[in-house]
C-alpha atoms as a PDB file:
ATOM      1  CA  MET A   1     -59.234  36.159  11.609  1.00  0.00           C
ATOM      2  CA  THR A   2     -60.469  33.731  14.319  1.00  0.00           C
ATOM      3  CA  GLU A   3     -62.854  34.314  17.038  1.00  0.00           C
ATOM      4  CA  LYS A   4     -60.138  33.805  19.536  1.00  0.00           C
ATOM      5  CA  GLN A   5     -57.942  36.571  17.527  1.00  0.00           C
ATOM      6  CA  SER A   6     -60.736  38.749  17.538  1.00  0.00           C
ATOM      7  CA  LYS A   7     -61.151  38.641  21.280  1.00  0.00           C
ATOM      8  CA  GLU A   8     -57.418  39.331  21.679  1.00  0.00           C
ATOM      9  CA  LEU A   9     -57.515  42.222  19.695  1.00  0.00           C
ATOM     10  CA  ALA A  10     -60.516  43.326  21.630  1.00  0.00           C
ATOM     11  CA  ARG A  11     -58.682  42.898  25.007  1.00  0.00           C
ATOM     12  CA  LEU A  12     -55.620  44.629  23.670  1.00  0.00           C
ATOM     13  CA  ALA A  13     -57.764  47.723  22.539  1.00  0.00           C
ATOM     14  CA  TYR A  14     -59.757  47.722  25.793  1.00  0.00           C
ATOM     15  CA  ALA A  15     -56.402  47.760  28.095  1.00  0.00           C
ATOM     16  CA  ALA A  16     -55.215  50.600  25.600  1.00  0.00           C
ATOM     17  CA  LEU A  17     -58.339  52.505  26.340  1.00  0.00           C
ATOM     18  CA  ASP A  18     -58.222  51.883  29.990  1.00  0.00           C
ATOM     19  CA  ASP A  19     -54.657  52.978  30.073  1.00  0.00           C
ATOM     20  CA  LYS A  20     -55.510  56.643  29.150  1.00  0.00           C
ATOM     21  CA  LYS A  21     -58.438  56.435  31.595  1.00  0.00           C
ATOM     22  CA  ALA A  22     -61.206  56.217  29.190  1.00  0.00           C
ATOM     23  CA  ARG A  23     -64.506  56.228  30.814  1.00  0.00           C
ATOM     24  CA  ASP A  24     -67.481  53.688  30.363  1.00  0.00           C
ATOM     25  CA  ILE A  25     -65.858  51.415  27.941  1.00  0.00           C
ATOM     26  CA  ARG A  26     -68.369  49.277  26.365  1.00  0.00           C
ATOM     27  CA  ILE A  27     -67.956  46.236  24.310  1.00  0.00           C
ATOM     28  CA  ILE A  28     -70.587  44.903  21.786  1.00  0.00           C
ATOM     29  CA  ASP A  29     -70.714  41.849  20.258  1.00  0.00           C
ATOM     30  CA  ILE A  30     -72.177  42.511  16.985  1.00  0.00           C
ATOM     31  CA  SER A  31     -70.812  39.154  15.097  1.00  0.00           C
ATOM     32  CA  LYS A  32     -74.577  37.780  15.031  1.00  0.00           C
ATOM     33  CA  VAL A  33     -76.444  41.028  14.064  1.00  0.00           C
ATOM     34  CA  SER A  34     -73.811  42.516  11.367  1.00  0.00           C
ATOM     35  CA  ILE A  35     -71.250  41.531   9.072  1.00  0.00           C
ATOM     36  CA  LEU A  36     -69.222  44.949   9.800  1.00  0.00           C
ATOM     37  CA  ALA A  37     -67.173  43.439  12.562  1.00  0.00           C
ATOM     38  CA  ASP A  38     -67.340  41.066  15.180  1.00  0.00           C
ATOM     39  CA  TYR A  39     -66.993  43.513  18.019  1.00  0.00           C
ATOM     40  CA  PHE A  40     -67.518  47.292  18.596  1.00  0.00           C
ATOM     41  CA  LEU A  41     -65.452  49.046  21.828  1.00  0.00           C
ATOM     42  CA  ILE A  42     -66.965  52.509  22.908  1.00  0.00           C
ATOM     43  CA  ALA A  43     -65.536  54.682  25.153  1.00  0.00           C
ATOM     44  CA  SER A  44     -65.448  58.303  26.180  1.00  0.00           C
ATOM     45  CA  GLY A  45     -62.747  60.753  27.030  1.00  0.00           C
ATOM     46  CA  SER A  46     -63.296  64.182  28.615  1.00  0.00           C
ATOM     47  CA  ASN A  47     -61.614  66.373  26.268  1.00  0.00           C
ATOM     48  CA  ARG A  48     -60.127  66.465  22.802  1.00  0.00           C
ATOM     49  CA  ASN A  49     -56.541  65.942  24.181  1.00  0.00           C
ATOM     50  CA  GLN A  50     -57.678  62.914  26.000  1.00  0.00           C
ATOM     51  CA  VAL A  51     -59.661  61.457  23.113  1.00  0.00           C
ATOM     52  CA  GLN A  52     -56.527  61.848  20.754  1.00  0.00           C
ATOM     53  CA  ALA A  53     -54.292  60.199  23.513  1.00  0.00           C
ATOM     54  CA  MET A  54     -56.795  57.261  23.795  1.00  0.00           C
ATOM     55  CA  ALA A  55     -56.721  56.832  20.132  1.00  0.00           C
ATOM     56  CA  ASP A  56     -52.846  56.982  19.947  1.00  0.00           C
ATOM     57  CA  ASN A  57     -52.264  54.430  22.596  1.00  0.00           C
ATOM     58  CA  VAL A  58     -54.752  52.135  20.942  1.00  0.00           C
ATOM     59  CA  GLU A  59     -52.791  52.634  17.695  1.00  0.00           C
ATOM     60  CA  GLU A  60     -49.487  52.139  19.247  1.00  0.00           C
ATOM     61  CA  GLU A  61     -50.455  48.870  21.005  1.00  0.00           C
ATOM     62  CA  MET A  62     -52.092  47.296  18.277  1.00  0.00           C
ATOM     63  CA  ASN A  63     -49.284  48.399  16.031  1.00  0.00           C
ATOM     64  CA  LYS A  64     -46.896  46.590  18.486  1.00  0.00           C
ATOM     65  CA  ALA A  65     -49.106  43.411  18.268  1.00  0.00           C
ATOM     66  CA  GLY A  66     -48.767  43.519  14.336  1.00  0.00           C
ATOM     67  CA  HIS A  67     -51.987  45.217  13.654  1.00  0.00           C
ATOM     68  CA  THR A  68     -52.673  48.068  11.418  1.00  0.00           C
ATOM     69  CA  ALA A  69     -55.828  49.965  11.364  1.00  0.00           C
ATOM     70  CA  ARG A  70     -57.623  50.044   7.916  1.00  0.00           C
ATOM     71  CA  GLN A  71     -58.957  53.190   8.420  1.00  0.00           C
ATOM     72  CA  VAL A  72     -59.125  56.078  11.182  1.00  0.00           C
ATOM     73  CA  GLU A  73     -61.567  58.854  10.994  1.00  0.00           C
ATOM     74  CA  GLY A  74     -62.162  62.185  12.733  1.00  0.00           C
ATOM     75  CA  TYR A  75     -58.900  62.689  14.708  1.00  0.00           C
ATOM     76  CA  GLN A  76     -58.350  65.936  14.068  1.00  0.00           C
ATOM     77  CA  THR A  77     -61.990  67.099  15.262  1.00  0.00           C
ATOM     78  CA  ALA A  78     -61.570  64.485  18.148  1.00  0.00           C
ATOM     79  CA  ASN A  79     -65.121  64.390  18.993  1.00  0.00           C
ATOM     80  CA  TRP A  80     -65.569  61.029  17.525  1.00  0.00           C
ATOM     81  CA  ILE A  81     -62.680  58.984  16.296  1.00  0.00           C
ATOM     82  CA  LEU A  82     -63.420  55.820  14.548  1.00  0.00           C
ATOM     83  CA  MET A  83     -60.727  53.213  14.369  1.00  0.00           C
ATOM     84  CA  ASP A  84     -61.379  50.085  11.948  1.00  0.00           C
ATOM     85  CA  TYR A  85     -59.315  47.106  12.667  1.00  0.00           C
ATOM     86  CA  GLY A  86     -61.427  44.750  10.663  1.00  0.00           C
ATOM     87  CA  ASP A  87     -63.219  42.584  13.256  1.00  0.00           C
ATOM     88  CA  ILE A  88     -63.244  45.213  15.786  1.00  0.00           C
ATOM     89  CA  ILE A  89     -64.176  48.960  15.349  1.00  0.00           C
ATOM     90  CA  ILE A  90     -63.260  51.331  18.249  1.00  0.00           C
ATOM     91  CA  HIS A  91     -65.419  54.498  18.581  1.00  0.00           C
ATOM     92  CA  ILE A  92     -63.711  57.121  20.856  1.00  0.00           C
ATOM     93  CA  PHE A  93     -66.175  59.769  21.824  1.00  0.00           C
ATOM     94  CA  ASP A  94     -66.231  63.101  23.780  1.00  0.00           C
ATOM     95  CA  GLU A  95     -69.040  63.101  26.180  1.00  0.00           C
ATOM     96  CA  GLU A  96     -71.356  64.976  24.273  1.00  0.00           C
ATOM     97  CA  ASN A  97     -71.042  63.352  20.850  1.00  0.00           C
ATOM     98  CA  ARG A  98     -71.554  59.996  22.656  1.00  0.00           C
ATOM     99  CA  LEU A  99     -74.798  60.657  24.369  1.00  0.00           C
ATOM    100  CA  PHE A 100     -76.005  62.234  20.860  1.00  0.00           C
ATOM    101  CA  TYR A 101     -74.986  59.450  18.683  1.00  0.00           C
ATOM    102  CA  ASP A 102     -75.774  56.526  21.313  1.00  0.00           C
ATOM    103  CA  LEU A 103     -74.241  53.796  19.683  1.00  0.00           C
ATOM    104  CA  GLU A 104     -75.235  51.559  22.364  1.00  0.00           C
ATOM    105  CA  ARG A 105     -78.957  52.126  21.573  1.00  0.00           C
ATOM    106  CA  ILE A 106     -78.311  51.657  17.798  1.00  0.00           C
ATOM    107  CA  TRP A 107     -76.655  48.412  18.368  1.00  0.00           C
ATOM    108  CA  ARG A 108     -78.937  47.295  21.176  1.00  0.00           C
ATOM    109  CA  ASP A 109     -79.553  43.942  19.097  1.00  0.00           C
ATOM    110  CA  GLY A 110     -75.866  43.129  19.907  1.00  0.00           C
ATOM    111  CA  SER A 111     -74.589  41.644  23.028  1.00  0.00           C
ATOM    112  CA  ALA A 112     -73.179  43.743  25.651  1.00  0.00           C
ATOM    113  CA  LEU A 113     -70.011  42.212  26.962  1.00  0.00           C
ATOM    114  CA  GLU A 114     -67.826  42.750  30.002  1.00  0.00           C
ATOM    115  CA  LEU A 115     -63.917  42.234  29.886  1.00  0.00           C
ATOM    116  CA  ALA A 116     -64.320  38.958  31.469  1.00  0.00           C
ATOM    117  CA  ASP A 117     -66.263  37.472  28.372  1.00  0.00           C
ATOM    118  CA  LEU A 118     -63.345  38.265  26.142  1.00  0.00           C
ATOM    119  CA  GLU A 119     -61.300  35.987  28.235  1.00  0.00           C
ATOM    120  CA  ARG A 120     -63.314  32.984  27.662  1.00  0.00           C
END
């Protein structure tokens, strides 16, 4: 996948999360510090139903665009849902687990981006 395609996928995922009122959506460019992916998207929901609704919306919007998740983990418990789309990995947390795992700190060597950075 090209950088432009990765950015488009990340924008699509961001919009799907935002559509379901995700809290504190963060985009981290990890392309220079890891071979896992180009971007992590991290977002929070206030309860299990919202976290699952956010994941459902991401999956629906990605499928419409022709992208299928390689793997989805944690959907049933919905305290941390991980959605792997290859070049982007989406982490949807409940608020307690987001604070506990603190991925933003763990991946601080990556570059924090704003939505506008994906549009360049």
